[in-house]
Amino acid sequence: MKPILLALLFAPVVGIAAGPLPHVFAQQIFDAYDVRTSFKNPVPPKSYVGYLQDQTVIKKIGAQWEHQECNAGIYALFQATGDNSRSFPPTLSKVVQQALIWAGDANWICNLFAGLASAEHLMYSDSAAFKKKAVGNYTVNGVAAGTFKTEGDLSWLRVFVQ
């Protein structure tokens, strides 16, 4: 079976709020995807939208429709149904087969702390050992690149943003 990558986009898995307080966004204090930058962060540049809408690219990647940015109407419907506050450990526990849950340490939305708490609440054959295991250093070519823990088929990774 192929590995499954679980990248947490929100932190509803165990009901942990993503970041400090909701008023932070209303005040436009920082960018939710990179807390080191201002709210109006120009990264990534919007040039990728045209690239992903190019018919040659669509054909090469096998996409079935053109890329669109988040649709505000659809987002509002998700928000109205409580999509951002549901808990999924039982569902996620069923798919833990070489799974990785990760987040960058400057990404407020992905919330690395909720990702770890979520991983520790999943039930699979090695869940008790995973929960007890200490977080270790993750290095690339001898340089600290994050922290992680792995037990059986589940891994959690915090990526240091350089």
N, C-alpha and C. Protein backbone atom coordinates (compact mmCIF):
# COMPACT_ATOMS: atom_id res chain seq x y z
N MET A 1 0.85 -1.18 0.00
CA MET A 1 0.00 0.00 0.00
C MET A 1 0.89 1.24 0.00
N LYS A 2 0.48 2.26 -0.75
CA LYS A 2 1.25 3.51 -0.83
C LYS A 2 1.09 4.31 0.45
N PRO A 3 2.15 5.05 0.85
CA PRO A 3 2.04 5.89 2.05
C PRO A 3 0.97 6.96 1.88
N ILE A 4 0.35 7.30 2.97
CA ILE A 4 -0.66 8.35 3.00
C ILE A 4 -0.05 9.56 3.68
N LEU A 5 -0.21 10.74 3.08
CA LEU A 5 0.30 11.97 3.67
C LEU A 5 -0.87 12.75 4.23
N LEU A 6 -0.85 13.00 5.52
CA LEU A 6 -1.89 13.77 6.17
C LEU A 6 -1.31 15.10 6.60
N ALA A 7 -1.52 16.13 5.83
CA ALA A 7 -1.06 17.46 6.20
C ALA A 7 -2.25 18.18 6.80
N LEU A 8 -2.14 18.57 8.04
CA LEU A 8 -3.25 19.23 8.71
C LEU A 8 -3.37 20.67 8.24
N LEU A 9 -4.49 20.97 7.63
CA LEU A 9 -4.73 22.34 7.20
C LEU A 9 -5.40 23.14 8.31
N PHE A 10 -6.13 22.48 9.15
CA PHE A 10 -6.76 23.10 10.29
C PHE A 10 -6.51 22.21 11.49
N ALA A 11 -6.91 22.61 12.64
CA ALA A 11 -6.63 21.82 13.84
C ALA A 11 -7.89 21.30 14.52
N PRO A 12 -8.92 20.91 13.79
CA PRO A 12 -10.14 20.49 14.45
C PRO A 12 -10.11 19.05 14.94
N VAL A 13 -9.06 18.33 14.65
CA VAL A 13 -9.04 16.90 14.91
C VAL A 13 -9.34 16.58 16.37
N VAL A 14 -8.75 17.32 17.27
CA VAL A 14 -9.05 17.10 18.69
C VAL A 14 -9.64 18.35 19.33
N GLY A 15 -10.16 19.24 18.51
CA GLY A 15 -10.82 20.43 19.02
C GLY A 15 -9.88 21.49 19.56
N ILE A 16 -8.66 21.56 19.04
CA ILE A 16 -7.70 22.56 19.50
C ILE A 16 -7.76 23.74 18.55
N ALA A 17 -7.92 24.92 19.09
CA ALA A 17 -7.99 26.12 18.26
C ALA A 17 -6.65 26.38 17.60
N ALA A 18 -6.68 26.82 16.35
CA ALA A 18 -5.45 27.12 15.62
C ALA A 18 -4.94 28.49 16.02
N GLY A 19 -3.95 28.54 16.87
CA GLY A 19 -3.32 29.80 17.23
C GLY A 19 -4.00 30.54 18.36
N PRO A 20 -3.59 31.80 18.57
CA PRO A 20 -4.07 32.56 19.73
C PRO A 20 -5.56 32.87 19.71
N LEU A 21 -5.95 34.02 19.27
CA LEU A 21 -7.36 34.41 19.32
C LEU A 21 -7.85 34.85 17.95
N PRO A 22 -9.14 34.62 17.64
CA PRO A 22 -9.67 35.00 16.34
C PRO A 22 -9.52 36.48 16.01
N HIS A 23 -9.50 37.35 17.02
CA HIS A 23 -9.41 38.79 16.74
C HIS A 23 -8.10 39.18 16.05
N VAL A 24 -7.12 38.30 16.10
CA VAL A 24 -5.84 38.57 15.45
C VAL A 24 -6.04 38.81 13.96
N PHE A 25 -6.91 38.01 13.33
CA PHE A 25 -7.16 38.19 11.91
C PHE A 25 -7.92 39.48 11.64
N ALA A 26 -8.86 39.80 12.50
CA ALA A 26 -9.63 41.03 12.31
C ALA A 26 -8.71 42.25 12.36
N GLN A 27 -7.66 42.18 13.16
CA GLN A 27 -6.72 43.29 13.27
C GLN A 27 -5.61 43.20 12.23
N GLN A 28 -5.57 42.13 11.46
CA GLN A 28 -4.57 41.93 10.41
C GLN A 28 -3.15 42.11 10.94
N ILE A 29 -2.84 41.41 12.00
CA ILE A 29 -1.54 41.53 12.65
C ILE A 29 -0.45 40.75 11.91
N PHE A 30 -0.74 39.53 11.47
CA PHE A 30 0.26 38.71 10.80
C PHE A 30 -0.40 37.80 9.78
N ASP A 31 0.42 37.23 8.93
CA ASP A 31 -0.06 36.29 7.91
C ASP A 31 -0.26 34.93 8.57
N ALA A 32 -1.40 34.32 8.36
CA ALA A 32 -1.72 33.04 9.00
C ALA A 32 -0.83 31.90 8.52
N TYR A 33 -0.24 32.03 7.34
CA TYR A 33 0.61 30.98 6.81
C TYR A 33 2.09 31.20 7.11
N ASP A 34 2.44 32.39 7.54
CA ASP A 34 3.82 32.68 7.93
C ASP A 34 3.79 33.82 8.94
N VAL A 35 3.82 33.47 10.21
CA VAL A 35 3.66 34.46 11.28
C VAL A 35 4.79 35.48 11.32
N ARG A 36 5.85 35.24 10.57
CA ARG A 36 6.97 36.17 10.54
C ARG A 36 6.72 37.35 9.62
N THR A 37 5.63 37.31 8.87
CA THR A 37 5.35 38.36 7.89
C THR A 37 4.04 39.08 8.21
N SER A 38 3.84 40.19 7.53
CA SER A 38 2.62 40.97 7.75
C SER A 38 1.42 40.26 7.12
N PHE A 39 0.25 40.73 7.44
CA PHE A 39 -0.99 40.13 6.95
C PHE A 39 -1.06 40.13 5.43
N LYS A 40 -0.55 41.13 4.78
CA LYS A 40 -0.63 41.24 3.32
C LYS A 40 0.63 40.69 2.66
N ASN A 41 1.07 39.56 3.11
CA ASN A 41 2.26 38.90 2.60
C ASN A 41 2.07 38.55 1.12
N PRO A 42 2.98 38.99 0.24
CA PRO A 42 2.84 38.69 -1.19
C PRO A 42 3.35 37.29 -1.58
N VAL A 43 3.74 36.48 -0.62
CA VAL A 43 4.27 35.16 -0.91
C VAL A 43 3.21 34.12 -0.60
N PRO A 44 2.92 33.14 -1.44
CA PRO A 44 3.54 32.99 -2.75
C PRO A 44 2.94 33.97 -3.75
N PRO A 45 3.71 34.30 -4.78
CA PRO A 45 3.17 35.20 -5.81
C PRO A 45 2.02 34.51 -6.54
N LYS A 46 1.11 35.27 -7.06
CA LYS A 46 -0.07 34.71 -7.72
C LYS A 46 0.23 34.14 -9.10
N SER A 47 1.50 34.14 -9.53
CA SER A 47 1.85 33.62 -10.85
C SER A 47 1.52 32.13 -11.00
N TYR A 48 1.44 31.40 -9.89
CA TYR A 48 1.14 29.98 -9.99
C TYR A 48 -0.27 29.72 -10.50
N VAL A 49 -1.19 30.67 -10.31
CA VAL A 49 -2.57 30.48 -10.75
C VAL A 49 -2.63 30.31 -12.27
N GLY A 50 -1.98 31.20 -13.00
CA GLY A 50 -1.95 31.09 -14.46
C GLY A 50 -1.27 29.80 -14.91
N TYR A 51 -0.20 29.42 -14.20
CA TYR A 51 0.51 28.18 -14.53
C TYR A 51 -0.42 26.98 -14.38
N LEU A 52 -1.15 26.92 -13.26
CA LEU A 52 -2.04 25.79 -13.02
C LEU A 52 -3.28 25.79 -13.92
N GLN A 53 -3.57 26.92 -14.54
CA GLN A 53 -4.70 27.00 -15.47
C GLN A 53 -4.27 26.77 -16.92
N ASP A 54 -2.97 26.63 -17.16
CA ASP A 54 -2.44 26.38 -18.50
C ASP A 54 -2.89 24.99 -18.96
N GLN A 55 -3.49 24.90 -20.15
CA GLN A 55 -4.02 23.63 -20.65
C GLN A 55 -2.95 22.54 -20.78
N THR A 56 -1.73 22.91 -21.10
CA THR A 56 -0.64 21.93 -21.20
C THR A 56 -0.37 21.33 -19.83
N VAL A 57 -0.31 22.17 -18.80
CA VAL A 57 -0.07 21.69 -17.43
C VAL A 57 -1.24 20.83 -16.97
N ILE A 58 -2.46 21.29 -17.22
CA ILE A 58 -3.65 20.53 -16.82
C ILE A 58 -3.60 19.13 -17.41
N LYS A 59 -3.24 19.03 -18.68
CA LYS A 59 -3.17 17.73 -19.34
C LYS A 59 -2.06 16.87 -18.75
N LYS A 60 -0.87 17.46 -18.53
CA LYS A 60 0.27 16.70 -18.01
C LYS A 60 0.01 16.13 -16.61
N ILE A 61 -0.68 16.90 -15.76
CA ILE A 61 -0.92 16.41 -14.40
C ILE A 61 -2.21 15.62 -14.28
N GLY A 62 -2.98 15.57 -15.36
CA GLY A 62 -4.21 14.78 -15.36
C GLY A 62 -5.36 15.41 -14.60
N ALA A 63 -5.32 16.74 -14.45
CA ALA A 63 -6.40 17.43 -13.74
C ALA A 63 -7.70 17.31 -14.54
N GLN A 64 -8.81 17.26 -13.84
CA GLN A 64 -10.10 17.12 -14.49
C GLN A 64 -10.81 18.46 -14.67
N TRP A 65 -10.27 19.53 -14.08
CA TRP A 65 -10.83 20.86 -14.25
C TRP A 65 -9.74 21.88 -13.95
N GLU A 66 -10.00 23.12 -14.32
CA GLU A 66 -9.03 24.18 -14.10
C GLU A 66 -8.92 24.54 -12.63
N HIS A 67 -7.72 24.92 -12.21
CA HIS A 67 -7.48 25.37 -10.84
C HIS A 67 -8.24 26.67 -10.57
N GLN A 68 -8.79 26.78 -9.39
CA GLN A 68 -9.43 28.02 -8.93
C GLN A 68 -8.93 28.31 -7.53
N GLU A 69 -8.83 29.59 -7.22
CA GLU A 69 -8.53 29.98 -5.85
C GLU A 69 -9.74 29.61 -4.99
N CYS A 70 -9.60 29.67 -3.70
CA CYS A 70 -10.71 29.35 -2.81
C CYS A 70 -11.93 30.19 -3.17
N ASN A 71 -13.03 29.52 -3.35
CA ASN A 71 -14.28 30.18 -3.66
C ASN A 71 -14.90 30.65 -2.35
N ALA A 72 -15.14 31.95 -2.22
CA ALA A 72 -15.66 32.51 -0.97
C ALA A 72 -17.02 31.91 -0.60
N GLY A 73 -17.86 31.66 -1.59
CA GLY A 73 -19.17 31.08 -1.32
C GLY A 73 -19.08 29.68 -0.76
N ILE A 74 -18.22 28.88 -1.35
CA ILE A 74 -18.03 27.51 -0.87
C ILE A 74 -17.41 27.53 0.52
N TYR A 75 -16.41 28.40 0.72
CA TYR A 75 -15.79 28.52 2.04
C TYR A 75 -16.83 28.88 3.09
N ALA A 76 -17.72 29.82 2.76
CA ALA A 76 -18.77 30.23 3.70
C ALA A 76 -19.68 29.06 4.05
N LEU A 77 -19.99 28.22 3.08
CA LEU A 77 -20.83 27.05 3.35
C LEU A 77 -20.12 26.07 4.28
N PHE A 78 -18.82 25.86 4.08
CA PHE A 78 -18.06 25.00 4.99
C PHE A 78 -18.09 25.57 6.40
N GLN A 79 -17.84 26.86 6.53
CA GLN A 79 -17.84 27.50 7.84
C GLN A 79 -19.21 27.40 8.50
N ALA A 80 -20.27 27.57 7.72
CA ALA A 80 -21.63 27.55 8.28
C ALA A 80 -22.02 26.17 8.79
N THR A 81 -21.38 25.12 8.29
CA THR A 81 -21.73 23.77 8.73
C THR A 81 -20.87 23.29 9.89
N GLY A 82 -19.99 24.15 10.39
CA GLY A 82 -19.14 23.75 11.50
C GLY A 82 -17.96 22.91 11.06
N ASP A 83 -17.61 22.97 9.78
CA ASP A 83 -16.52 22.15 9.25
C ASP A 83 -15.20 22.39 9.98
N ASN A 84 -15.02 23.58 10.51
CA ASN A 84 -13.75 23.87 11.17
C ASN A 84 -13.70 23.42 12.61
N SER A 85 -14.71 22.74 13.10
CA SER A 85 -14.69 22.34 14.50
C SER A 85 -15.10 20.88 14.71
N ARG A 86 -15.01 20.09 13.69
CA ARG A 86 -15.33 18.67 13.83
C ARG A 86 -14.11 17.89 14.29
N SER A 87 -14.35 16.77 14.90
CA SER A 87 -13.28 15.93 15.41
C SER A 87 -13.22 14.64 14.57
N PHE A 88 -12.02 14.27 14.10
CA PHE A 88 -11.90 13.14 13.20
C PHE A 88 -10.98 12.01 13.64
N PRO A 89 -10.58 11.89 14.91
CA PRO A 89 -9.67 10.79 15.26
C PRO A 89 -10.16 9.40 14.86
N PRO A 90 -11.44 9.06 15.04
CA PRO A 90 -11.85 7.71 14.63
C PRO A 90 -11.66 7.46 13.13
N THR A 91 -11.99 8.46 12.32
CA THR A 91 -11.83 8.32 10.87
C THR A 91 -10.36 8.25 10.50
N LEU A 92 -9.55 9.18 11.04
CA LEU A 92 -8.13 9.18 10.72
C LEU A 92 -7.44 7.91 11.22
N SER A 93 -7.90 7.39 12.35
CA SER A 93 -7.30 6.17 12.90
C SER A 93 -7.42 5.01 11.93
N LYS A 94 -8.46 5.00 11.12
CA LYS A 94 -8.67 3.91 10.16
C LYS A 94 -7.70 3.96 8.98
N VAL A 95 -7.10 5.12 8.74
CA VAL A 95 -6.23 5.25 7.56
C VAL A 95 -4.74 5.35 7.91
N VAL A 96 -4.39 5.12 9.16
CA VAL A 96 -2.97 5.21 9.53
C VAL A 96 -2.24 4.00 8.96
N GLN A 97 -1.71 4.20 7.77
CA GLN A 97 -0.89 3.21 7.09
C GLN A 97 0.24 3.99 6.44
N GLN A 98 1.34 4.12 7.14
CA GLN A 98 2.48 4.94 6.71
C GLN A 98 2.03 6.39 6.54
N ALA A 99 1.52 6.98 7.59
CA ALA A 99 1.00 8.34 7.54
C ALA A 99 1.98 9.32 8.17
N LEU A 100 1.99 10.54 7.62
CA LEU A 100 2.80 11.63 8.15
C LEU A 100 1.89 12.83 8.39
N ILE A 101 1.94 13.36 9.61
CA ILE A 101 1.24 14.60 9.94
C ILE A 101 2.34 15.62 10.19
N TRP A 102 2.31 16.73 9.46
CA TRP A 102 3.41 17.70 9.58
C TRP A 102 2.91 19.12 9.47
N ALA A 103 3.76 20.03 9.95
CA ALA A 103 3.48 21.47 9.82
C ALA A 103 4.79 22.22 9.99
N GLY A 104 4.86 23.37 9.34
CA GLY A 104 6.00 24.26 9.52
C GLY A 104 5.81 25.07 10.78
N ASP A 105 6.89 25.44 11.43
CA ASP A 105 6.77 26.12 12.71
C ASP A 105 6.39 27.60 12.59
N ALA A 106 6.32 28.14 11.39
CA ALA A 106 5.88 29.53 11.21
C ALA A 106 4.46 29.60 10.65
N ASN A 107 3.81 28.45 10.52
CA ASN A 107 2.47 28.40 9.95
C ASN A 107 1.44 28.32 11.07
N TRP A 108 0.69 29.41 11.26
CA TRP A 108 -0.30 29.48 12.34
C TRP A 108 -1.51 28.61 12.04
N ILE A 109 -1.94 28.58 10.79
CA ILE A 109 -3.12 27.81 10.40
C ILE A 109 -2.91 26.31 10.63
N CYS A 110 -1.78 25.78 10.18
CA CYS A 110 -1.55 24.34 10.33
C CYS A 110 -1.33 23.93 11.78
N ASN A 111 -0.85 24.82 12.61
CA ASN A 111 -0.76 24.62 14.05
C ASN A 111 -0.04 23.32 14.43
N LEU A 112 1.27 23.40 14.49
CA LEU A 112 2.06 22.22 14.78
C LEU A 112 1.72 21.58 16.12
N PHE A 113 1.31 22.36 17.09
CA PHE A 113 0.98 21.81 18.42
C PHE A 113 -0.30 20.98 18.34
N ALA A 114 -1.28 21.46 17.60
CA ALA A 114 -2.52 20.69 17.42
C ALA A 114 -2.24 19.45 16.59
N GLY A 115 -1.31 19.56 15.63
CA GLY A 115 -0.95 18.39 14.83
C GLY A 115 -0.37 17.28 15.69
N LEU A 116 0.50 17.64 16.62
CA LEU A 116 1.07 16.65 17.53
C LEU A 116 -0.01 16.08 18.45
N ALA A 117 -0.83 16.94 19.01
CA ALA A 117 -1.91 16.47 19.88
C ALA A 117 -2.86 15.55 19.11
N SER A 118 -3.13 15.90 17.86
CA SER A 118 -3.99 15.07 17.02
C SER A 118 -3.36 13.70 16.80
N ALA A 119 -2.09 13.70 16.45
CA ALA A 119 -1.39 12.43 16.21
C ALA A 119 -1.41 11.56 17.46
N GLU A 120 -1.27 12.19 18.62
CA GLU A 120 -1.26 11.43 19.87
C GLU A 120 -2.65 10.90 20.25
N HIS A 121 -3.69 11.39 19.61
CA HIS A 121 -5.05 10.90 19.87
C HIS A 121 -5.52 9.84 18.87
N LEU A 122 -4.73 9.58 17.84
CA LEU A 122 -5.12 8.55 16.88
C LEU A 122 -4.96 7.17 17.48
N MET A 123 -5.86 6.27 17.13
CA MET A 123 -5.80 4.91 17.65
C MET A 123 -5.37 3.98 16.52
N TYR A 124 -4.20 3.36 16.68
CA TYR A 124 -3.70 2.37 15.74
C TYR A 124 -2.83 1.40 16.53
N SER A 125 -2.27 0.44 15.88
CA SER A 125 -1.56 -0.63 16.61
C SER A 125 -0.44 -0.14 17.52
N ASP A 126 0.20 0.97 17.20
CA ASP A 126 1.31 1.47 18.01
C ASP A 126 0.99 2.79 18.71
N SER A 127 -0.28 3.11 18.88
CA SER A 127 -0.65 4.43 19.41
C SER A 127 -0.16 4.67 20.83
N ALA A 128 -0.18 3.67 21.68
CA ALA A 128 0.29 3.86 23.06
C ALA A 128 1.78 4.19 23.07
N ALA A 129 2.56 3.49 22.27
CA ALA A 129 4.00 3.75 22.20
C ALA A 129 4.27 5.12 21.57
N PHE A 130 3.48 5.50 20.55
CA PHE A 130 3.66 6.80 19.91
C PHE A 130 3.43 7.91 20.92
N LYS A 131 2.38 7.79 21.71
CA LYS A 131 2.04 8.84 22.67
C LYS A 131 3.15 9.01 23.72
N LYS A 132 3.76 7.91 24.14
CA LYS A 132 4.81 7.96 25.16
C LYS A 132 6.15 8.40 24.62
N LYS A 133 6.36 8.24 23.34
CA LYS A 133 7.66 8.52 22.73
C LYS A 133 8.00 10.00 22.79
N ALA A 134 9.25 10.30 23.08
CA ALA A 134 9.71 11.69 23.12
C ALA A 134 9.94 12.20 21.70
N VAL A 135 9.80 13.50 21.54
CA VAL A 135 10.09 14.15 20.27
C VAL A 135 11.60 14.24 20.11
N GLY A 136 12.10 13.90 18.93
CA GLY A 136 13.53 13.94 18.68
C GLY A 136 13.88 14.99 17.63
N ASN A 137 15.17 15.20 17.43
CA ASN A 137 15.63 16.15 16.44
C ASN A 137 15.61 15.53 15.05
N TYR A 138 15.20 16.31 14.08
CA TYR A 138 15.18 15.92 12.67
C TYR A 138 16.26 16.72 11.98
N THR A 139 17.23 16.04 11.40
CA THR A 139 18.33 16.74 10.74
C THR A 139 18.42 16.35 9.27
N VAL A 140 18.91 17.28 8.47
CA VAL A 140 19.16 17.05 7.06
C VAL A 140 20.60 17.45 6.80
N ASN A 141 21.40 16.50 6.38
CA ASN A 141 22.83 16.73 6.16
C ASN A 141 23.50 17.33 7.40
N GLY A 142 23.12 16.85 8.57
CA GLY A 142 23.73 17.29 9.82
C GLY A 142 23.21 18.62 10.36
N VAL A 143 22.26 19.22 9.69
CA VAL A 143 21.71 20.52 10.12
C VAL A 143 20.29 20.31 10.68
N ALA A 144 20.01 20.90 11.83
CA ALA A 144 18.68 20.80 12.43
C ALA A 144 17.64 21.36 11.47
N ALA A 145 16.65 20.54 11.13
CA ALA A 145 15.61 20.94 10.19
C ALA A 145 14.22 20.82 10.79
N GLY A 146 14.14 20.31 12.03
CA GLY A 146 12.84 20.17 12.66
C GLY A 146 12.91 19.22 13.84
N THR A 147 11.74 18.81 14.30
CA THR A 147 11.63 17.80 15.34
C THR A 147 10.60 16.78 14.85
N PHE A 148 10.68 15.57 15.37
CA PHE A 148 9.77 14.52 14.90
C PHE A 148 9.62 13.43 15.94
N LYS A 149 8.62 12.60 15.69
CA LYS A 149 8.55 11.31 16.36
C LYS A 149 7.81 10.36 15.43
N THR A 150 8.25 9.11 15.49
CA THR A 150 7.70 8.07 14.63
C THR A 150 7.53 6.81 15.45
N GLU A 151 6.43 6.16 15.25
CA GLU A 151 6.21 4.86 15.88
C GLU A 151 5.32 4.05 14.96
N GLY A 152 5.84 2.92 14.50
CA GLY A 152 5.06 2.10 13.56
C GLY A 152 4.79 2.87 12.28
N ASP A 153 3.54 2.96 11.90
CA ASP A 153 3.15 3.59 10.63
C ASP A 153 2.83 5.07 10.74
N LEU A 154 3.00 5.67 11.91
CA LEU A 154 2.64 7.08 12.08
C LEU A 154 3.88 7.92 12.41
N SER A 155 3.99 9.05 11.71
CA SER A 155 5.06 10.00 11.98
C SER A 155 4.47 11.39 12.13
N TRP A 156 5.07 12.18 13.00
CA TRP A 156 4.72 13.59 13.15
C TRP A 156 6.01 14.38 12.96
N LEU A 157 5.92 15.48 12.21
CA LEU A 157 7.10 16.28 11.90
C LEU A 157 6.81 17.75 12.02
N ARG A 158 7.67 18.44 12.75
CA ARG A 158 7.67 19.91 12.80
C ARG A 158 8.85 20.37 11.96
N VAL A 159 8.57 21.15 10.92
CA VAL A 159 9.62 21.62 10.03
C VAL A 159 10.03 23.02 10.44
N PHE A 160 11.32 23.21 10.70
CA PHE A 160 11.81 24.55 11.02
C PHE A 160 11.83 25.35 9.73
N VAL A 161 11.27 26.54 9.78
CA VAL A 161 11.30 27.43 8.63
C VAL A 161 12.57 28.26 8.74
N GLN A 162 13.40 28.20 7.75
CA GLN A 162 14.69 28.88 7.78
C GLN A 162 14.57 30.33 7.37
